[in-house]
Amino acid sequence: MGIHIVGPLGLLVLVFDIYAILNVARSTASSLVRVIWIALILIAPVIGFILWVFLGPREERSLFRR
């Protein structure tokens, strides 16, 4: 009896979550912190992404940083 997000909204959530996971994986945070953030994003995609945006590590959030 979970909430199912389908269609364009589901695709948008998937894209945002992939973006967040890639940024977490590339961050300089400790391995434990990165694993916790990735697990949170995978377990609760919408809430995990929102929490990451507001509470995640404050590094430059860009996939194309040098």
PDB file of N, CA and C in Angstrom:
ATOM      1  N   MET A   1       0.806  -1.176   0.000  1.00  0.00           N
ATOM      2  CA  MET A   1       0.000   0.000   0.000  1.00  0.00           C
ATOM      3  C   MET A   1       0.862   1.258   0.000  1.00  0.00           C
ATOM      4  N   GLY A   2       1.935   1.250  -0.756  1.00  0.00           N
ATOM      5  CA  GLY A   2       2.822   2.398  -0.817  1.00  0.00           C
ATOM      6  C   GLY A   2       2.347   3.407  -1.843  1.00  0.00           C
ATOM      7  N   ILE A   3       3.034   4.503  -1.884  1.00  0.00           N
ATOM      8  CA  ILE A   3       2.737   5.545  -2.861  1.00  0.00           C
ATOM      9  C   ILE A   3       3.544   5.240  -4.112  1.00  0.00           C
ATOM     10  N   HIS A   4       2.866   5.203  -5.258  1.00  0.00           N
ATOM     11  CA  HIS A   4       3.532   4.916  -6.523  1.00  0.00           C
ATOM     12  C   HIS A   4       3.539   6.179  -7.367  1.00  0.00           C
ATOM     13  N   ILE A   5       4.734   6.604  -7.761  1.00  0.00           N
ATOM     14  CA  ILE A   5       4.869   7.780  -8.604  1.00  0.00           C
ATOM     15  C   ILE A   5       5.162   7.282 -10.007  1.00  0.00           C
ATOM     16  N   VAL A   6       4.268   7.587 -10.942  1.00  0.00           N
ATOM     17  CA  VAL A   6       4.420   7.097 -12.304  1.00  0.00           C
ATOM     18  C   VAL A   6       4.291   8.257 -13.284  1.00  0.00           C
ATOM     19  N   GLY A   7       4.636   7.977 -14.525  1.00  0.00           N
ATOM     20  CA  GLY A   7       4.502   8.970 -15.579  1.00  0.00           C
ATOM     21  C   GLY A   7       5.611   9.998 -15.532  1.00  0.00           C
ATOM     22  N   PRO A   8       5.318  11.196 -16.027  1.00  0.00           N
ATOM     23  CA  PRO A   8       6.335  12.256 -16.089  1.00  0.00           C
ATOM     24  C   PRO A   8       6.867  12.646 -14.707  1.00  0.00           C
ATOM     25  N   LEU A   9       6.002  12.621 -13.702  1.00  0.00           N
ATOM     26  CA  LEU A   9       6.451  12.963 -12.349  1.00  0.00           C
ATOM     27  C   LEU A   9       7.451  11.932 -11.840  1.00  0.00           C
ATOM     28  N   GLY A  10       7.194  10.666 -12.105  1.00  0.00           N
ATOM     29  CA  GLY A  10       8.126   9.614 -11.699  1.00  0.00           C
ATOM     30  C   GLY A  10       9.467   9.746 -12.396  1.00  0.00           C
ATOM     31  N   LEU A  11       9.445  10.106 -13.668  1.00  0.00           N
ATOM     32  CA  LEU A  11      10.683  10.308 -14.415  1.00  0.00           C
ATOM     33  C   LEU A  11      11.466  11.492 -13.847  1.00  0.00           C
ATOM     34  N   LEU A  12      10.766  12.553 -13.484  1.00  0.00           N
ATOM     35  CA  LEU A  12      11.416  13.713 -12.898  1.00  0.00           C
ATOM     36  C   LEU A  12      12.065  13.362 -11.559  1.00  0.00           C
ATOM     37  N   VAL A  13      11.371  12.607 -10.732  1.00  0.00           N
ATOM     38  CA  VAL A  13      11.939  12.163  -9.453  1.00  0.00           C
ATOM     39  C   VAL A  13      13.179  11.310  -9.701  1.00  0.00           C
ATOM     40  N   LEU A  14      13.121  10.417 -10.681  1.00  0.00           N
ATOM     41  CA  LEU A  14      14.265   9.571 -11.005  1.00  0.00           C
ATOM     42  C   LEU A  14      15.467  10.400 -11.435  1.00  0.00           C
ATOM     43  N   VAL A  15      15.250  11.379 -12.279  1.00  0.00           N
ATOM     44  CA  VAL A  15      16.352  12.236 -12.745  1.00  0.00           C
ATOM     45  C   VAL A  15      16.964  13.006 -11.576  1.00  0.00           C
ATOM     46  N   PHE A  16      16.124  13.596 -10.718  1.00  0.00           N
ATOM     47  CA  PHE A  16      16.644  14.334  -9.563  1.00  0.00           C
ATOM     48  C   PHE A  16      17.411  13.418  -8.610  1.00  0.00           C
ATOM     49  N   ASP A  17      16.913  12.211  -8.406  1.00  0.00           N
ATOM     50  CA  ASP A  17      17.594  11.282  -7.507  1.00  0.00           C
ATOM     51  C   ASP A  17      18.937  10.834  -8.076  1.00  0.00           C
ATOM     52  N   ILE A  18      18.992  10.578  -9.359  1.00  0.00           N
ATOM     53  CA  ILE A  18      20.269  10.207  -9.981  1.00  0.00           C
ATOM     54  C   ILE A  18      21.262  11.354  -9.847  1.00  0.00           C
ATOM     55  N   TYR A  19      20.806  12.582 -10.066  1.00  0.00           N
ATOM     56  CA  TYR A  19      21.656  13.757  -9.907  1.00  0.00           C
ATOM     57  C   TYR A  19      22.201  13.839  -8.478  1.00  0.00           C
ATOM     58  N   ALA A  20      21.326  13.660  -7.500  1.00  0.00           N
ATOM     59  CA  ALA A  20      21.742  13.734  -6.099  1.00  0.00           C
ATOM     60  C   ALA A  20      22.724  12.618  -5.754  1.00  0.00           C
ATOM     61  N   ILE A  21      22.460  11.402  -6.210  1.00  0.00           N
ATOM     62  CA  ILE A  21      23.348  10.274  -5.912  1.00  0.00           C
ATOM     63  C   ILE A  21      24.726  10.489  -6.527  1.00  0.00           C
ATOM     64  N   LEU A  22      24.774  10.977  -7.756  1.00  0.00           N
ATOM     65  CA  LEU A  22      26.070  11.239  -8.389  1.00  0.00           C
ATOM     66  C   LEU A  22      26.841  12.314  -7.647  1.00  0.00           C
ATOM     67  N   ASN A  23      26.155  13.351  -7.195  1.00  0.00           N
ATOM     68  CA  ASN A  23      26.833  14.397  -6.440  1.00  0.00           C
ATOM     69  C   ASN A  23      27.307  13.906  -5.082  1.00  0.00           C
ATOM     70  N   VAL A  24      26.523  13.082  -4.434  1.00  0.00           N
ATOM     71  CA  VAL A  24      26.944  12.520  -3.145  1.00  0.00           C
ATOM     72  C   VAL A  24      28.161  11.623  -3.356  1.00  0.00           C
ATOM     73  N   ALA A  25      28.130  10.799  -4.376  1.00  0.00           N
ATOM     74  CA  ALA A  25      29.246   9.886  -4.632  1.00  0.00           C
ATOM     75  C   ALA A  25      30.536  10.646  -4.935  1.00  0.00           C
ATOM     76  N   ARG A  26      30.434  11.804  -5.549  1.00  0.00           N
ATOM     77  CA  ARG A  26      31.619  12.598  -5.900  1.00  0.00           C
ATOM     78  C   ARG A  26      32.052  13.552  -4.799  1.00  0.00           C
ATOM     79  N   SER A  27      31.293  13.640  -3.716  1.00  0.00           N
ATOM     80  CA  SER A  27      31.610  14.596  -2.657  1.00  0.00           C
ATOM     81  C   SER A  27      32.855  14.156  -1.890  1.00  0.00           C
ATOM     82  N   THR A  28      33.379  15.088  -1.127  1.00  0.00           N
ATOM     83  CA  THR A  28      34.567  14.792  -0.322  1.00  0.00           C
ATOM     84  C   THR A  28      34.196  14.363   1.094  1.00  0.00           C
ATOM     85  N   ALA A  29      32.928  14.144   1.342  1.00  0.00           N
ATOM     86  CA  ALA A  29      32.486  13.689   2.665  1.00  0.00           C
ATOM     87  C   ALA A  29      33.037  12.286   2.931  1.00  0.00           C
ATOM     88  N   SER A  30      32.999  11.881   4.186  1.00  0.00           N
ATOM     89  CA  SER A  30      33.510  10.555   4.531  1.00  0.00           C
ATOM     90  C   SER A  30      32.663   9.473   3.872  1.00  0.00           C
ATOM     91  N   SER A  31      33.224   8.293   3.759  1.00  0.00           N
ATOM     92  CA  SER A  31      32.524   7.185   3.112  1.00  0.00           C
ATOM     93  C   SER A  31      31.218   6.850   3.814  1.00  0.00           C
ATOM     94  N   LEU A  32      31.215   6.873   5.129  1.00  0.00           N
ATOM     95  CA  LEU A  32      30.012   6.557   5.895  1.00  0.00           C
ATOM     96  C   LEU A  32      28.910   7.569   5.600  1.00  0.00           C
ATOM     97  N   VAL A  33      29.251   8.832   5.566  1.00  0.00           N
ATOM     98  CA  VAL A  33      28.265   9.877   5.286  1.00  0.00           C
ATOM     99  C   VAL A  33      27.707   9.707   3.883  1.00  0.00           C
ATOM    100  N   ARG A  34      28.560   9.412   2.924  1.00  0.00           N
ATOM    101  CA  ARG A  34      28.089   9.213   1.549  1.00  0.00           C
ATOM    102  C   ARG A  34      27.155   8.013   1.460  1.00  0.00           C
ATOM    103  N   VAL A  35      27.491   6.918   2.123  1.00  0.00           N
ATOM    104  CA  VAL A  35      26.643   5.721   2.107  1.00  0.00           C
ATOM    105  C   VAL A  35      25.288   6.023   2.735  1.00  0.00           C
ATOM    106  N   ILE A  36      25.276   6.761   3.830  1.00  0.00           N
ATOM    107  CA  ILE A  36      24.018   7.106   4.489  1.00  0.00           C
ATOM    108  C   ILE A  36      23.148   7.971   3.583  1.00  0.00           C
ATOM    109  N   TRP A  37      23.728   8.972   2.940  1.00  0.00           N
ATOM    110  CA  TRP A  37      22.952   9.831   2.038  1.00  0.00           C
ATOM    111  C   TRP A  37      22.403   9.045   0.855  1.00  0.00           C
ATOM    112  N   ILE A  38      23.227   8.207   0.266  1.00  0.00           N
ATOM    113  CA  ILE A  38      22.766   7.422  -0.885  1.00  0.00           C
ATOM    114  C   ILE A  38      21.649   6.463  -0.458  1.00  0.00           C
ATOM    115  N   ALA A  39      21.802   5.825   0.691  1.00  0.00           N
ATOM    116  CA  ALA A  39      20.758   4.917   1.185  1.00  0.00           C
ATOM    117  C   ALA A  39      19.459   5.679   1.432  1.00  0.00           C
ATOM    118  N   LEU A  40      19.557   6.856   2.016  1.00  0.00           N
ATOM    119  CA  LEU A  40      18.360   7.657   2.279  1.00  0.00           C
ATOM    120  C   LEU A  40      17.669   8.044   0.973  1.00  0.00           C
ATOM    121  N   ILE A  41      18.443   8.427  -0.031  1.00  0.00           N
ATOM    122  CA  ILE A  41      17.862   8.802  -1.326  1.00  0.00           C
ATOM    123  C   ILE A  41      17.222   7.592  -1.996  1.00  0.00           C
ATOM    124  N   LEU A  42      17.819   6.422  -1.860  1.00  0.00           N
ATOM    125  CA  LEU A  42      17.249   5.225  -2.486  1.00  0.00           C
ATOM    126  C   LEU A  42      16.017   4.708  -1.750  1.00  0.00           C
ATOM    127  N   ILE A  43      16.009   4.813  -0.423  1.00  0.00           N
ATOM    128  CA  ILE A  43      14.887   4.302   0.369  1.00  0.00           C
ATOM    129  C   ILE A  43      13.673   5.226   0.278  1.00  0.00           C
ATOM    130  N   ALA A  44      13.909   6.517   0.351  1.00  0.00           N
ATOM    131  CA  ALA A  44      12.817   7.502   0.292  1.00  0.00           C
ATOM    132  C   ALA A  44      13.183   8.546  -0.763  1.00  0.00           C
ATOM    133  N   PRO A  45      12.929   8.268  -2.027  1.00  0.00           N
ATOM    134  CA  PRO A  45      13.430   9.117  -3.110  1.00  0.00           C
ATOM    135  C   PRO A  45      13.046  10.597  -3.007  1.00  0.00           C
ATOM    136  N   VAL A  46      11.800  10.899  -2.773  1.00  0.00           N
ATOM    137  CA  VAL A  46      11.379  12.303  -2.749  1.00  0.00           C
ATOM    138  C   VAL A  46      11.891  12.988  -1.490  1.00  0.00           C
ATOM    139  N   ILE A  47      11.631  12.398  -0.342  1.00  0.00           N
ATOM    140  CA  ILE A  47      12.067  12.987   0.923  1.00  0.00           C
ATOM    141  C   ILE A  47      13.586  13.014   1.012  1.00  0.00           C
ATOM    142  N   GLY A  48      14.240  11.952   0.563  1.00  0.00           N
ATOM    143  CA  GLY A  48      15.697  11.910   0.576  1.00  0.00           C
ATOM    144  C   GLY A  48      16.319  13.011  -0.259  1.00  0.00           C
ATOM    145  N   PHE A  49      15.758  13.262  -1.439  1.00  0.00           N
ATOM    146  CA  PHE A  49      16.280  14.331  -2.293  1.00  0.00           C
ATOM    147  C   PHE A  49      16.072  15.691  -1.640  1.00  0.00           C
ATOM    148  N   ILE A  50      14.889  15.915  -1.096  1.00  0.00           N
ATOM    149  CA  ILE A  50      14.614  17.203  -0.453  1.00  0.00           C
ATOM    150  C   ILE A  50      15.538  17.429   0.738  1.00  0.00           C
ATOM    151  N   LEU A  51      15.732  16.405   1.552  1.00  0.00           N
ATOM    152  CA  LEU A  51      16.655  16.531   2.683  1.00  0.00           C
ATOM    153  C   LEU A  51      18.078  16.798   2.213  1.00  0.00           C
ATOM    154  N   TRP A  52      18.489  16.121   1.142  1.00  0.00           N
ATOM    155  CA  TRP A  52      19.837  16.322   0.613  1.00  0.00           C
ATOM    156  C   TRP A  52      20.023  17.767   0.142  1.00  0.00           C
ATOM    157  N   VAL A  53      18.997  18.325  -0.499  1.00  0.00           N
ATOM    158  CA  VAL A  53      19.102  19.702  -0.997  1.00  0.00           C
ATOM    159  C   VAL A  53      19.326  20.672   0.163  1.00  0.00           C
ATOM    160  N   PHE A  54      18.597  20.472   1.270  1.00  0.00           N
ATOM    161  CA  PHE A  54      18.678  21.417   2.379  1.00  0.00           C
ATOM    162  C   PHE A  54      19.735  21.067   3.427  1.00  0.00           C
ATOM    163  N   LEU A  55      20.031  19.788   3.611  1.00  0.00           N
ATOM    164  CA  LEU A  55      20.925  19.381   4.696  1.00  0.00           C
ATOM    165  C   LEU A  55      22.218  18.720   4.236  1.00  0.00           C
ATOM    166  N   GLY A  56      22.336  18.452   2.958  1.00  0.00           N
ATOM    167  CA  GLY A  56      23.508  17.747   2.449  1.00  0.00           C
ATOM    168  C   GLY A  56      24.771  18.580   2.539  1.00  0.00           C
ATOM    169  N   PRO A  57      25.903  17.966   2.250  1.00  0.00           N
ATOM    170  CA  PRO A  57      27.178  18.682   2.293  1.00  0.00           C
ATOM    171  C   PRO A  57      27.136  19.932   1.414  1.00  0.00           C
ATOM    172  N   ARG A  58      27.703  21.010   1.893  1.00  0.00           N
ATOM    173  CA  ARG A  58      27.659  22.294   1.201  1.00  0.00           C
ATOM    174  C   ARG A  58      28.836  22.477   0.258  1.00  0.00           C
ATOM    175  N   GLU A  59      29.015  21.564  -0.628  1.00  0.00           N
ATOM    176  CA  GLU A  59      30.036  21.704  -1.668  1.00  0.00           C
ATOM    177  C   GLU A  59      29.371  22.215  -2.913  1.00  0.00           C
ATOM    178  N   GLU A  60      30.188  22.578  -3.876  1.00  0.00           N
ATOM    179  CA  GLU A  60      29.618  23.003  -5.147  1.00  0.00           C
ATOM    180  C   GLU A  60      28.852  21.820  -5.730  1.00  0.00           C
ATOM    181  N   ARG A  61      27.585  22.007  -6.020  1.00  0.00           N
ATOM    182  CA  ARG A  61      26.736  20.913  -6.511  1.00  0.00           C
ATOM    183  C   ARG A  61      26.681  20.958  -8.029  1.00  0.00           C
ATOM    184  N   SER A  62      27.724  20.481  -8.638  1.00  0.00           N
ATOM    185  CA  SER A  62      27.765  20.450 -10.089  1.00  0.00           C
ATOM    186  C   SER A  62      28.457  19.175 -10.518  1.00  0.00           C
ATOM    187  N   LEU A  63      27.909  18.519 -11.512  1.00  0.00           N
ATOM    188  CA  LEU A  63      28.532  17.298 -12.027  1.00  0.00           C
ATOM    189  C   LEU A  63      29.777  17.602 -12.827  1.00  0.00           C
ATOM    190  N   PHE A  64      29.940  18.847 -13.263  1.00  0.00           N
ATOM    191  CA  PHE A  64      31.026  19.191 -14.159  1.00  0.00           C
ATOM    192  C   PHE A  64      32.089  20.067 -13.494  1.00  0.00           C
ATOM    193  N   ARG A  65      32.242  19.926 -12.192  1.00  0.00           N
ATOM    194  CA  ARG A  65      33.272  20.727 -11.517  1.00  0.00           C
ATOM    195  C   ARG A  65      34.651  20.189 -11.828  1.00  0.00           C
ATOM    196  N   ARG A  66      35.629  21.032 -11.677  1.00  0.00           N
ATOM    197  CA  ARG A  66      37.008  20.650 -12.033  1.00  0.00           C
ATOM    198  C   ARG A  66      37.750  20.109 -10.869  1.00  0.00           C
TER     199      ARG A  66
END
